Structure formats: C-alpha cells, structure tokens
Amino acid sequence: MGLPWGGLFLAWKAYHSTNDTPRLPLLSSSGCAGRECVYCYHNLKEGRIGVTLEEVMKRLEAMGSESTRQTLMRHGMPPAGYGVKVGDLKKLVKPVKGDQELVLQLYDTGISDAMYLAGLTVNPKTVAKETLQAWARKADWYLIAEYTVASAAAESPHALELAREWIDSPEELVAACGWSTWANYVSITPDEHLPAEELRGLLERVQASIHEERNRVRYTMNGFVISVGGYVAPLHEEAVQAAAAIGKVRVNMGGTACKVPSAPEYIARMISAGKLGKKRKTCIC
C-alpha cells in the first residue's frame, strides 16, 4: 500500500528538509499512514526496519530520471536501467546493507541501478569468492565491472586471487574488472603488504601489451599504472617510467565527452597535491 502524497511530503519534510526533490519513501510491511509513516520512514533510513526487493526496486524506479538514463546509456548502460544518480543510490545504503541476502537479490535483477546499489551495500569481508566470480561474469557494462565488482573484490579477502584470475580472462569486461581490482587493491593496501615483485611484473606486462589489448582493458591497464604510480611509493619511479614509455592510450569512449587520463600527468598531479603513497580508506563509492 502506497503512502498518500500528503504523507509523503511530511515524511520527506521531516527528515530531508535540505533535499531539493521529495522522494517516494520505502514502506514497512504494515502499510501505516500519517505520523506513523514518518516514524517508519526514519527507521528505514537508519536501517532499523527491513525492506523487500520489491520495495527497493520500486524506490529505484521512482528515483530514476530519463535524462540520467539517456546519459548512462550513452556510456553503455543497457536500456533496462532506471537512471538513478549515484548520490541518490547512497540514500538507500542504510536500509539495504543489513540484509546481505537482499544485496545478492539486487545484483541478480540485472538492472544496473540495483547492481550498483548491491556493490555499495555488500559486505566485502564476508562475501563469497564464488559470488564475486558470478558478479564479474554477469557485469554487462564497464561501470558495473570496473567499479561495482572490482571495488568489492579489492576489499575482500579474495582480492589477489581474483585479480590474478580475471586479468587473464578472454572476456573483455572480466579482464578489465581484474585490472581495476588490482588498481583499487594497491590504493587501499599498505605498501609492506603488497607483492612488489609481482607489481613490477605487471607494470612490464602493461608496458609491453597495452596497445594491443581490448578497449576497456586498455583503459583499466592505464588506470593500474596511475594507481601504482600514485599510491605505491616504492614503485613510483618505475610506474612513471612505464607511463612515459606507454605514451598516449587510445580508448573508444563511445558517444561521450570522456577522455582517457594521461598517466604521467595524472600521477604528477597526485604528487603535486601531496598524495604520493597516501592510501584511501575505502575504494567502494
């Protein structure tokens, strides 16, 4: 049972007075109304009341916009997506993250917005390796493969095993996911816990093969060089040398204005900002 628009506005006004657009709140199974619904909405926002897959999907559909959907489709999102902005997806993290079964159900919908939300809410410390492998196979465009799956994998206990496995995949998006997993992993892992010799070998591999690789693999290989150059202080010089030797990386970005970042320039900006070797707290965002 839906919340009448009057009650919807009261709920939004009470707890999101700074937002510019009222959003359809998730409902408890009781279907309560009036002031009680405001109470339930607050508890949902704080993650104290469970929600169902159907409720979350309805909320996602309501939060989507056609303009965002069209933009994301130009970047490669399948047409079934709703077009929800990442900032709006993050508003659903608390109600969802306490139910890891729901997280898995969201990813399995195959709807990009739900899959991205799954990546924001999955517990990377407890997620099964087989789940992440299935996620990588099911990722149907680069945002899910290179961000959602790679970020969750990088923070999981299976990070190195999966990164090593995926970069050798014959599937373009899975291989891209692997290089992105490596890039994320080195950005959050203390240098003393990194396999330095293996990373040197990977830099050599990228330098030797990047220009012959598949489209999104070229992009994520380039990102790997940037990440090593900026986040791994002991390998900074070697990454800079590799970036210079690689030169310009050409990637087909589709009908978008996006460009491939120049690895030497990007690393230099990180150094200028005093970020050399400063690890990120999380790569899930």
C-alpha atoms as a PDB file:
ATOM      1  CA  MET A   1       0.000   0.000   0.000  1.00  0.00           C
ATOM      2  CA  GLY A   2       1.486   3.340  -1.013  1.00  0.00           C
ATOM      3  CA  LEU A   3       1.866   6.446   1.053  1.00  0.00           C
ATOM      4  CA  PRO A   4      -0.540   9.273   0.059  1.00  0.00           C
ATOM      5  CA  TRP A   5       1.287  12.259  -1.378  1.00  0.00           C
ATOM      6  CA  GLY A   6       0.438  14.392   1.654  1.00  0.00           C
ATOM      7  CA  GLY A   7       2.062  11.870   3.963  1.00  0.00           C
ATOM      8  CA  LEU A   8       4.959  11.537   1.533  1.00  0.00           C
ATOM      9  CA  PHE A   9       5.686  15.233   1.752  1.00  0.00           C
ATOM     10  CA  LEU A  10       5.506  15.199   5.559  1.00  0.00           C
ATOM     11  CA  ALA A  11       7.956  12.319   5.695  1.00  0.00           C
ATOM     12  CA  TRP A  12      10.354  13.992   3.327  1.00  0.00           C
ATOM     13  CA  LYS A  13       9.998  17.386   5.016  1.00  0.00           C
ATOM     14  CA  ALA A  14      10.663  15.941   8.448  1.00  0.00           C
ATOM     15  CA  TYR A  15      13.882  14.150   7.589  1.00  0.00           C
ATOM     16  CA  HIS A  16      15.235  15.601   4.337  1.00  0.00           C
ATOM     17  CA  SER A  17      14.410  19.287   4.545  1.00  0.00           C
ATOM     18  CA  THR A  18      17.602  20.140   2.653  1.00  0.00           C
ATOM     19  CA  ASN A  19      16.812  17.970  -0.372  1.00  0.00           C
ATOM     20  CA  ASP A  20      15.551  19.644  -3.500  1.00  0.00           C
ATOM     21  CA  THR A  21      13.156  16.890  -4.587  1.00  0.00           C
ATOM     22  CA  PRO A  22      10.804  14.782  -2.451  1.00  0.00           C
ATOM     23  CA  ARG A  23      11.312  11.062  -2.956  1.00  0.00           C
ATOM     24  CA  LEU A  24       8.936   8.174  -2.537  1.00  0.00           C
ATOM     25  CA  PRO A  25       9.871   6.600   0.836  1.00  0.00           C
ATOM     26  CA  LEU A  26      10.228   2.899   1.395  1.00  0.00           C
ATOM     27  CA  LEU A  27       7.353   1.460   3.425  1.00  0.00           C
ATOM     28  CA  SER A  28       7.182  -1.056   6.195  1.00  0.00           C
ATOM     29  CA  SER A  29       5.012  -4.110   5.609  1.00  0.00           C
ATOM     30  CA  SER A  30       2.342  -2.660   7.898  1.00  0.00           C
ATOM     31  CA  GLY A  31       1.384  -0.053   5.311  1.00  0.00           C
ATOM     32  CA  CYS A  32       0.913   2.544   8.080  1.00  0.00           C
ATOM     33  CA  ALA A  33      -0.052   6.124   7.314  1.00  0.00           C
ATOM     34  CA  GLY A  34       0.153   9.640   8.682  1.00  0.00           C
ATOM     35  CA  ARG A  35       2.574  10.427  11.502  1.00  0.00           C
ATOM     36  CA  GLU A  36       3.326   6.731  11.957  1.00  0.00           C
ATOM     37  CA  CYS A  37       4.661   6.593   8.414  1.00  0.00           C
ATOM     38  CA  VAL A  38       7.065   9.417   9.204  1.00  0.00           C
ATOM     39  CA  TYR A  39       8.339   7.295  12.076  1.00  0.00           C
ATOM     40  CA  CYS A  40       8.706   4.250   9.841  1.00  0.00           C
ATOM     41  CA  TYR A  41      10.471   6.246   7.160  1.00  0.00           C
ATOM     42  CA  HIS A  42      13.014   7.490   9.688  1.00  0.00           C
ATOM     43  CA  ASN A  43      13.639   3.959  10.926  1.00  0.00           C
ATOM     44  CA  LEU A  44      14.027   2.713   7.372  1.00  0.00           C
ATOM     45  CA  LYS A  45      16.533   5.464   6.673  1.00  0.00           C
ATOM     46  CA  GLU A  46      18.501   4.427   9.733  1.00  0.00           C
ATOM     47  CA  GLY A  47      18.374   0.763   8.704  1.00  0.00           C
ATOM     48  CA  ARG A  48      16.286  -0.397  11.667  1.00  0.00           C
ATOM     49  CA  ILE A  49      13.392  -1.806   9.611  1.00  0.00           C
ATOM     50  CA  GLY A  50      13.893  -4.405   6.893  1.00  0.00           C
ATOM     51  CA  VAL A  51      12.795  -3.873   3.300  1.00  0.00           C
ATOM     52  CA  THR A  52      11.948  -6.226   0.478  1.00  0.00           C
ATOM     53  CA  LEU A  53      13.387  -6.488  -3.009  1.00  0.00           C
ATOM     54  CA  GLU A  54      10.098  -5.274  -4.463  1.00  0.00           C
ATOM     55  CA  GLU A  55      10.134  -2.169  -2.269  1.00  0.00           C
ATOM     56  CA  VAL A  56      13.702  -1.298  -3.162  1.00  0.00           C
ATOM     57  CA  MET A  57      13.084  -1.767  -6.877  1.00  0.00           C
ATOM     58  CA  LYS A  58      10.021   0.481  -6.722  1.00  0.00           C
ATOM     59  CA  ARG A  59      12.064   3.106  -4.943  1.00  0.00           C
ATOM     60  CA  LEU A  60      14.830   2.882  -7.523  1.00  0.00           C
ATOM     61  CA  GLU A  61      12.366   3.262 -10.370  1.00  0.00           C
ATOM     62  CA  ALA A  62      10.865   6.322  -8.676  1.00  0.00           C
ATOM     63  CA  MET A  63      14.295   7.874  -8.146  1.00  0.00           C
ATOM     64  CA  GLY A  64      15.367   7.487 -11.766  1.00  0.00           C
ATOM     65  CA  SER A  65      15.224  10.224 -14.359  1.00  0.00           C
ATOM     66  CA  GLU A  66      15.074   9.929 -18.122  1.00  0.00           C
ATOM     67  CA  SER A  67      17.880  12.445 -18.652  1.00  0.00           C
ATOM     68  CA  THR A  68      20.242  10.486 -16.395  1.00  0.00           C
ATOM     69  CA  ARG A  69      19.146   7.256 -18.039  1.00  0.00           C
ATOM     70  CA  GLN A  70      19.953   8.612 -21.501  1.00  0.00           C
ATOM     71  CA  THR A  71      23.359   9.828 -20.309  1.00  0.00           C
ATOM     72  CA  LEU A  72      24.209   6.456 -18.789  1.00  0.00           C
ATOM     73  CA  MET A  73      23.033   4.649 -21.905  1.00  0.00           C
ATOM     74  CA  ARG A  74      25.474   6.711 -23.975  1.00  0.00           C
ATOM     75  CA  HIS A  75      28.163   5.346 -21.671  1.00  0.00           C
ATOM     76  CA  GLY A  76      26.991   1.784 -22.244  1.00  0.00           C
ATOM     77  CA  MET A  77      24.258   1.070 -19.701  1.00  0.00           C
ATOM     78  CA  PRO A  78      21.662  -1.408 -21.022  1.00  0.00           C
ATOM     79  CA  PRO A  79      18.221   0.145 -21.689  1.00  0.00           C
ATOM     80  CA  ALA A  80      16.597  -1.611 -18.723  1.00  0.00           C
ATOM     81  CA  GLY A  81      18.329   0.744 -16.264  1.00  0.00           C
ATOM     82  CA  TYR A  82      16.306   3.393 -14.415  1.00  0.00           C
ATOM     83  CA  GLY A  83      18.836   6.230 -14.478  1.00  0.00           C
ATOM     84  CA  VAL A  84      19.350   6.797 -10.740  1.00  0.00           C
ATOM     85  CA  LYS A  85      22.195   9.101  -9.763  1.00  0.00           C
ATOM     86  CA  VAL A  86      24.863   7.604  -7.511  1.00  0.00           C
ATOM     87  CA  GLY A  87      24.157  10.237  -4.868  1.00  0.00           C
ATOM     88  CA  ASP A  88      20.563   9.045  -4.696  1.00  0.00           C
ATOM     89  CA  LEU A  89      21.601   5.387  -4.598  1.00  0.00           C
ATOM     90  CA  LYS A  90      23.653   6.142  -1.499  1.00  0.00           C
ATOM     91  CA  LYS A  91      20.478   7.193   0.318  1.00  0.00           C
ATOM     92  CA  LEU A  92      19.400   3.548   0.243  1.00  0.00           C
ATOM     93  CA  VAL A  93      22.594   2.122   1.721  1.00  0.00           C
ATOM     94  CA  LYS A  94      21.448   2.021   5.355  1.00  0.00           C
ATOM     95  CA  PRO A  95      18.106   0.297   4.741  1.00  0.00           C
ATOM     96  CA  VAL A  96      19.721  -2.316   2.496  1.00  0.00           C
ATOM     97  CA  LYS A  97      23.170  -3.130   3.845  1.00  0.00           C
ATOM     98  CA  GLY A  98      21.933  -5.027   6.890  1.00  0.00           C
ATOM     99  CA  ASP A  99      20.364  -7.690   4.669  1.00  0.00           C
ATOM    100  CA  GLN A 100      23.085  -9.366   2.625  1.00  0.00           C
ATOM    101  CA  GLU A 101      20.586 -11.757   1.045  1.00  0.00           C
ATOM    102  CA  LEU A 102      18.747  -8.709  -0.303  1.00  0.00           C
ATOM    103  CA  VAL A 103      22.063  -7.381  -1.616  1.00  0.00           C
ATOM    104  CA  LEU A 104      22.549 -10.556  -3.645  1.00  0.00           C
ATOM    105  CA  GLN A 105      18.979 -10.363  -4.931  1.00  0.00           C
ATOM    106  CA  LEU A 106      19.544  -6.784  -6.074  1.00  0.00           C
ATOM    107  CA  TYR A 107      22.563  -7.741  -8.148  1.00  0.00           C
ATOM    108  CA  ASP A 108      20.733 -10.695  -9.645  1.00  0.00           C
ATOM    109  CA  THR A 109      17.990  -8.426 -11.048  1.00  0.00           C
ATOM    110  CA  GLY A 110      20.356  -7.433 -13.837  1.00  0.00           C
ATOM    111  CA  ILE A 111      19.134  -3.822 -13.502  1.00  0.00           C
ATOM    112  CA  SER A 112      22.168  -1.551 -13.467  1.00  0.00           C
ATOM    113  CA  ASP A 113      20.914   0.707 -10.664  1.00  0.00           C
ATOM    114  CA  ALA A 114      20.193  -2.271  -8.418  1.00  0.00           C
ATOM    115  CA  MET A 115      23.540  -3.858  -9.272  1.00  0.00           C
ATOM    116  CA  TYR A 116      25.398  -0.685  -8.359  1.00  0.00           C
ATOM    117  CA  LEU A 117      23.452  -0.453  -5.098  1.00  0.00           C
ATOM    118  CA  ALA A 118      24.453  -4.041  -4.364  1.00  0.00           C
ATOM    119  CA  GLY A 119      28.078  -3.019  -4.711  1.00  0.00           C
ATOM    120  CA  LEU A 120      27.581  -0.136  -2.292  1.00  0.00           C
ATOM    121  CA  THR A 121      25.944  -2.355   0.318  1.00  0.00           C
ATOM    122  CA  VAL A 122      27.736  -5.696   0.047  1.00  0.00           C
ATOM    123  CA  ASN A 123      29.928  -6.698   2.976  1.00  0.00           C
ATOM    124  CA  PRO A 124      33.259  -7.262   1.212  1.00  0.00           C
ATOM    125  CA  LYS A 125      34.746  -9.035   4.211  1.00  0.00           C
ATOM    126  CA  THR A 126      32.158 -11.828   4.155  1.00  0.00           C
ATOM    127  CA  VAL A 127      31.133 -12.081   0.502  1.00  0.00           C
ATOM    128  CA  ALA A 128      31.984 -15.437  -1.048  1.00  0.00           C
ATOM    129  CA  LYS A 129      34.606 -15.702  -3.770  1.00  0.00           C
ATOM    130  CA  GLU A 130      32.067 -17.569  -5.905  1.00  0.00           C
ATOM    131  CA  THR A 131      29.648 -14.659  -5.566  1.00  0.00           C
ATOM    132  CA  LEU A 132      32.232 -12.188  -6.824  1.00  0.00           C
ATOM    133  CA  GLN A 133      33.110 -14.506  -9.700  1.00  0.00           C
ATOM    134  CA  ALA A 134      29.433 -14.708 -10.636  1.00  0.00           C
ATOM    135  CA  TRP A 135      29.141 -10.928 -10.377  1.00  0.00           C
ATOM    136  CA  ALA A 136      32.078 -10.455 -12.737  1.00  0.00           C
ATOM    137  CA  ARG A 137      30.525 -12.804 -15.298  1.00  0.00           C
ATOM    138  CA  LYS A 138      27.165 -11.050 -15.064  1.00  0.00           C
ATOM    139  CA  ALA A 139      28.507  -7.490 -15.323  1.00  0.00           C
ATOM    140  CA  ASP A 140      27.156  -6.216 -18.626  1.00  0.00           C
ATOM    141  CA  TRP A 141      28.874  -2.850 -18.932  1.00  0.00           C
ATOM    142  CA  TYR A 142      32.033  -1.200 -17.718  1.00  0.00           C
ATOM    143  CA  LEU A 143      30.575   0.743 -14.772  1.00  0.00           C
ATOM    144  CA  ILE A 144      29.475  -2.465 -13.075  1.00  0.00           C
ATOM    145  CA  ALA A 145      32.584  -4.473 -13.971  1.00  0.00           C
ATOM    146  CA  GLU A 146      35.222  -1.831 -13.285  1.00  0.00           C
ATOM    147  CA  TYR A 147      33.630  -0.077 -10.314  1.00  0.00           C
ATOM    148  CA  THR A 148      30.970  -2.171  -8.585  1.00  0.00           C
ATOM    149  CA  VAL A 149      32.586  -5.605  -8.831  1.00  0.00           C
ATOM    150  CA  ALA A 150      36.218  -4.505  -8.794  1.00  0.00           C
ATOM    151  CA  SER A 151      35.771  -2.338  -5.698  1.00  0.00           C
ATOM    152  CA  ALA A 152      34.003  -5.062  -3.740  1.00  0.00           C
ATOM    153  CA  ALA A 153      36.608  -7.613  -4.801  1.00  0.00           C
ATOM    154  CA  ALA A 154      39.503  -5.328  -3.859  1.00  0.00           C
ATOM    155  CA  GLU A 155      38.234  -5.024  -0.286  1.00  0.00           C
ATOM    156  CA  SER A 156      37.520  -8.728   0.041  1.00  0.00           C
ATOM    157  CA  PRO A 157      39.844 -11.467   1.337  1.00  0.00           C
ATOM    158  CA  HIS A 158      39.845 -12.811  -2.236  1.00  0.00           C
ATOM    159  CA  ALA A 159      41.309  -9.685  -3.845  1.00  0.00           C
ATOM    160  CA  LEU A 160      44.637 -11.022  -5.060  1.00  0.00           C
ATOM    161  CA  GLU A 161      43.297 -14.381  -6.147  1.00  0.00           C
ATOM    162  CA  LEU A 162      40.519 -12.811  -8.199  1.00  0.00           C
ATOM    163  CA  ALA A 163      42.649 -10.021  -9.663  1.00  0.00           C
ATOM    164  CA  ARG A 164      45.163 -12.604 -10.879  1.00  0.00           C
ATOM    165  CA  GLU A 165      42.427 -14.787 -12.310  1.00  0.00           C
ATOM    166  CA  TRP A 166      40.459 -12.050 -14.018  1.00  0.00           C
ATOM    167  CA  ILE A 167      43.259 -10.226 -15.853  1.00  0.00           C
ATOM    168  CA  ASP A 168      43.829 -13.382 -17.896  1.00  0.00           C
ATOM    169  CA  SER A 169      40.162 -13.759 -18.851  1.00  0.00           C
ATOM    170  CA  PRO A 170      39.228 -13.950 -22.545  1.00  0.00           C
ATOM    171  CA  GLU A 171      36.155 -11.854 -21.683  1.00  0.00           C
ATOM    172  CA  GLU A 172      36.910  -8.139 -22.087  1.00  0.00           C
ATOM    173  CA  LEU A 173      34.851  -6.879 -19.151  1.00  0.00           C
ATOM    174  CA  VAL A 174      36.116  -9.585 -16.814  1.00  0.00           C
ATOM    175  CA  ALA A 175      39.721  -8.780 -17.723  1.00  0.00           C
ATOM    176  CA  ALA A 176      39.017  -5.068 -17.245  1.00  0.00           C
ATOM    177  CA  CYS A 177      37.490  -5.908 -13.881  1.00  0.00           C
ATOM    178  CA  GLY A 178      40.725  -7.677 -12.960  1.00  0.00           C
ATOM    179  CA  TRP A 179      42.955  -4.701 -13.732  1.00  0.00           C
ATOM    180  CA  SER A 180      40.569  -2.396 -11.892  1.00  0.00           C
ATOM    181  CA  THR A 181      40.665  -4.769  -8.917  1.00  0.00           C
ATOM    182  CA  TRP A 182      44.453  -4.503  -8.907  1.00  0.00           C
ATOM    183  CA  ALA A 183      44.286  -0.702  -9.149  1.00  0.00           C
ATOM    184  CA  ASN A 184      41.841  -0.489  -6.259  1.00  0.00           C
ATOM    185  CA  TYR A 185      43.735  -3.012  -4.156  1.00  0.00           C
ATOM    186  CA  VAL A 186      47.033  -1.119  -4.264  1.00  0.00           C
ATOM    187  CA  SER A 187      45.214   2.115  -3.391  1.00  0.00           C
ATOM    188  CA  ILE A 188      43.977   0.767  -0.036  1.00  0.00           C
ATOM    189  CA  THR A 189      46.650  -1.751   0.969  1.00  0.00           C
ATOM    190  CA  PRO A 190      49.775  -0.743   2.936  1.00  0.00           C
ATOM    191  CA  ASP A 191      52.906  -0.964   0.803  1.00  0.00           C
ATOM    192  CA  GLU A 192      54.501  -3.523   3.106  1.00  0.00           C
ATOM    193  CA  HIS A 193      51.615  -5.903   2.388  1.00  0.00           C
ATOM    194  CA  LEU A 194      51.816  -5.570  -1.392  1.00  0.00           C
ATOM    195  CA  PRO A 195      53.573  -8.113  -3.662  1.00  0.00           C
ATOM    196  CA  ALA A 196      56.144  -5.643  -5.001  1.00  0.00           C
ATOM    197  CA  GLU A 197      57.845  -8.001  -7.442  1.00  0.00           C
ATOM    198  CA  GLU A 198      54.514  -9.073  -8.868  1.00  0.00           C
ATOM    199  CA  LEU A 199      53.512  -5.445  -9.340  1.00  0.00           C
ATOM    200  CA  ARG A 200      56.783  -4.793 -11.179  1.00  0.00           C
ATOM    201  CA  GLY A 201      55.978  -7.678 -13.466  1.00  0.00           C
ATOM    202  CA  LEU A 202      52.507  -6.308 -14.093  1.00  0.00           C
ATOM    203  CA  LEU A 203      53.916  -2.881 -14.968  1.00  0.00           C
ATOM    204  CA  GLU A 204      56.176  -4.593 -17.505  1.00  0.00           C
ATOM    205  CA  ARG A 205      53.230  -6.553 -18.866  1.00  0.00           C
ATOM    206  CA  VAL A 206      51.152  -3.407 -19.302  1.00  0.00           C
ATOM    207  CA  GLN A 207      54.021  -1.583 -20.997  1.00  0.00           C
ATOM    208  CA  ALA A 208      54.514  -4.456 -23.431  1.00  0.00           C
ATOM    209  CA  SER A 209      50.892  -5.201 -24.311  1.00  0.00           C
ATOM    210  CA  ILE A 210      48.542  -2.305 -23.561  1.00  0.00           C
ATOM    211  CA  HIS A 211      48.289  -1.010 -27.129  1.00  0.00           C
ATOM    212  CA  GLU A 212      47.282  -4.440 -28.439  1.00  0.00           C
ATOM    213  CA  GLU A 213      44.733  -5.102 -25.716  1.00  0.00           C
ATOM    214  CA  ARG A 214      40.960  -4.850 -25.887  1.00  0.00           C
ATOM    215  CA  ASN A 215      39.237  -1.498 -25.472  1.00  0.00           C
ATOM    216  CA  ARG A 216      38.236  -1.451 -21.784  1.00  0.00           C
ATOM    217  CA  VAL A 217      41.304  -3.481 -20.843  1.00  0.00           C
ATOM    218  CA  ARG A 218      43.462  -0.659 -22.237  1.00  0.00           C
ATOM    219  CA  TYR A 219      41.552   1.806 -20.092  1.00  0.00           C
ATOM    220  CA  THR A 220      41.926  -0.172 -16.870  1.00  0.00           C
ATOM    221  CA  MET A 221      45.565  -1.067 -17.547  1.00  0.00           C
ATOM    222  CA  ASN A 222      46.203   2.664 -17.800  1.00  0.00           C
ATOM    223  CA  GLY A 223      44.357   3.133 -14.502  1.00  0.00           C
ATOM    224  CA  PHE A 224      46.519   0.449 -12.920  1.00  0.00           C
ATOM    225  CA  VAL A 225      49.705   2.305 -13.886  1.00  0.00           C
ATOM    226  CA  ILE A 226      48.267   5.511 -12.430  1.00  0.00           C
ATOM    227  CA  SER A 227      47.292   3.778  -9.207  1.00  0.00           C
ATOM    228  CA  VAL A 228      50.717   2.189  -8.711  1.00  0.00           C
ATOM    229  CA  GLY A 229      52.435   5.473  -9.543  1.00  0.00           C
ATOM    230  CA  GLY A 230      50.367   7.447  -7.087  1.00  0.00           C
ATOM    231  CA  TYR A 231      49.630   5.058  -4.242  1.00  0.00           C
ATOM    232  CA  VAL A 232      52.682   2.771  -4.091  1.00  0.00           C
ATOM    233  CA  ALA A 233      55.613   4.968  -3.110  1.00  0.00           C
ATOM    234  CA  PRO A 234      58.349   2.312  -3.550  1.00  0.00           C
ATOM    235  CA  LEU A 235      57.239   1.730  -7.156  1.00  0.00           C
ATOM    236  CA  HIS A 236      56.503   5.346  -8.036  1.00  0.00           C
ATOM    237  CA  GLU A 237      59.521   5.880 -10.286  1.00  0.00           C
ATOM    238  CA  GLU A 238      59.035   2.591 -12.097  1.00  0.00           C
ATOM    239  CA  ALA A 239      55.372   3.407 -12.754  1.00  0.00           C
ATOM    240  CA  VAL A 240      56.299   6.871 -14.038  1.00  0.00           C
ATOM    241  CA  GLN A 241      58.855   5.322 -16.396  1.00  0.00           C
ATOM    242  CA  ALA A 242      56.281   2.798 -17.611  1.00  0.00           C
ATOM    243  CA  ALA A 243      53.723   5.554 -18.163  1.00  0.00           C
ATOM    244  CA  ALA A 244      56.211   7.572 -20.206  1.00  0.00           C
ATOM    245  CA  ALA A 245      57.128   4.545 -22.304  1.00  0.00           C
ATOM    246  CA  ILE A 246      53.469   3.698 -22.919  1.00  0.00           C
ATOM    247  CA  GLY A 247      52.582   7.183 -24.106  1.00  0.00           C
ATOM    248  CA  LYS A 248      49.071   8.064 -25.222  1.00  0.00           C
ATOM    249  CA  VAL A 249      46.464   5.366 -24.664  1.00  0.00           C
ATOM    250  CA  ARG A 250      43.588   5.354 -27.131  1.00  0.00           C
ATOM    251  CA  VAL A 251      40.226   4.019 -25.992  1.00  0.00           C
ATOM    252  CA  ASN A 252      36.895   4.233 -27.789  1.00  0.00           C
ATOM    253  CA  MET A 253      34.742   6.119 -25.279  1.00  0.00           C
ATOM    254  CA  GLY A 254      31.586   5.903 -27.385  1.00  0.00           C
ATOM    255  CA  GLY A 255      29.363   8.915 -27.875  1.00  0.00           C
ATOM    256  CA  THR A 256      30.647  10.708 -24.774  1.00  0.00           C
ATOM    257  CA  ALA A 257      32.985  13.576 -23.975  1.00  0.00           C
ATOM    258  CA  CYS A 258      35.054  11.397 -21.632  1.00  0.00           C
ATOM    259  CA  LYS A 259      38.791  11.139 -22.229  1.00  0.00           C
ATOM    260  CA  VAL A 260      41.464   8.664 -21.213  1.00  0.00           C
ATOM    261  CA  PRO A 261      43.566  10.256 -18.461  1.00  0.00           C
ATOM    262  CA  SER A 262      47.238  10.757 -19.256  1.00  0.00           C
ATOM    263  CA  ALA A 263      49.074   8.556 -16.761  1.00  0.00           C
ATOM    264  CA  PRO A 264      52.176  10.797 -16.474  1.00  0.00           C
ATOM    265  CA  GLU A 265      50.052  13.912 -15.983  1.00  0.00           C
ATOM    266  CA  TYR A 266      47.667  12.260 -13.535  1.00  0.00           C
ATOM    267  CA  ILE A 267      50.483  10.864 -11.397  1.00  0.00           C
ATOM    268  CA  ALA A 268      52.204  14.271 -11.442  1.00  0.00           C
ATOM    269  CA  ARG A 269      49.020  15.929 -10.179  1.00  0.00           C
ATOM    270  CA  MET A 270      48.814  13.424  -7.330  1.00  0.00           C
ATOM    271  CA  ILE A 271      52.406  14.252  -6.375  1.00  0.00           C
ATOM    272  CA  SER A 272      51.739  17.993  -6.550  1.00  0.00           C
ATOM    273  CA  ALA A 273      48.765  17.502  -4.244  1.00  0.00           C
ATOM    274  CA  GLY A 274      50.965  15.685  -1.727  1.00  0.00           C
ATOM    275  CA  LYS A 275      49.152  12.379  -2.212  1.00  0.00           C
ATOM    276  CA  LEU A 276      52.080  10.102  -3.051  1.00  0.00           C
ATOM    277  CA  GLY A 277      51.667   6.883  -1.088  1.00  0.00           C
ATOM    278  CA  LYS A 278      48.625   8.109   0.832  1.00  0.00           C
ATOM    279  CA  LYS A 279      46.160   5.246   0.831  1.00  0.00           C
ATOM    280  CA  ARG A 280      42.415   5.557   0.522  1.00  0.00           C
ATOM    281  CA  LYS A 281      40.264   4.346   3.398  1.00  0.00           C
ATOM    282  CA  THR A 282      37.893   2.597   1.019  1.00  0.00           C
ATOM    283  CA  CYS A 283      37.513   2.088  -2.704  1.00  0.00           C
ATOM    284  CA  ILE A 284      33.770   1.402  -2.529  1.00  0.00           C
ATOM    285  CA  CYS A 285      31.954   4.565  -3.541  1.00  0.00           C
END
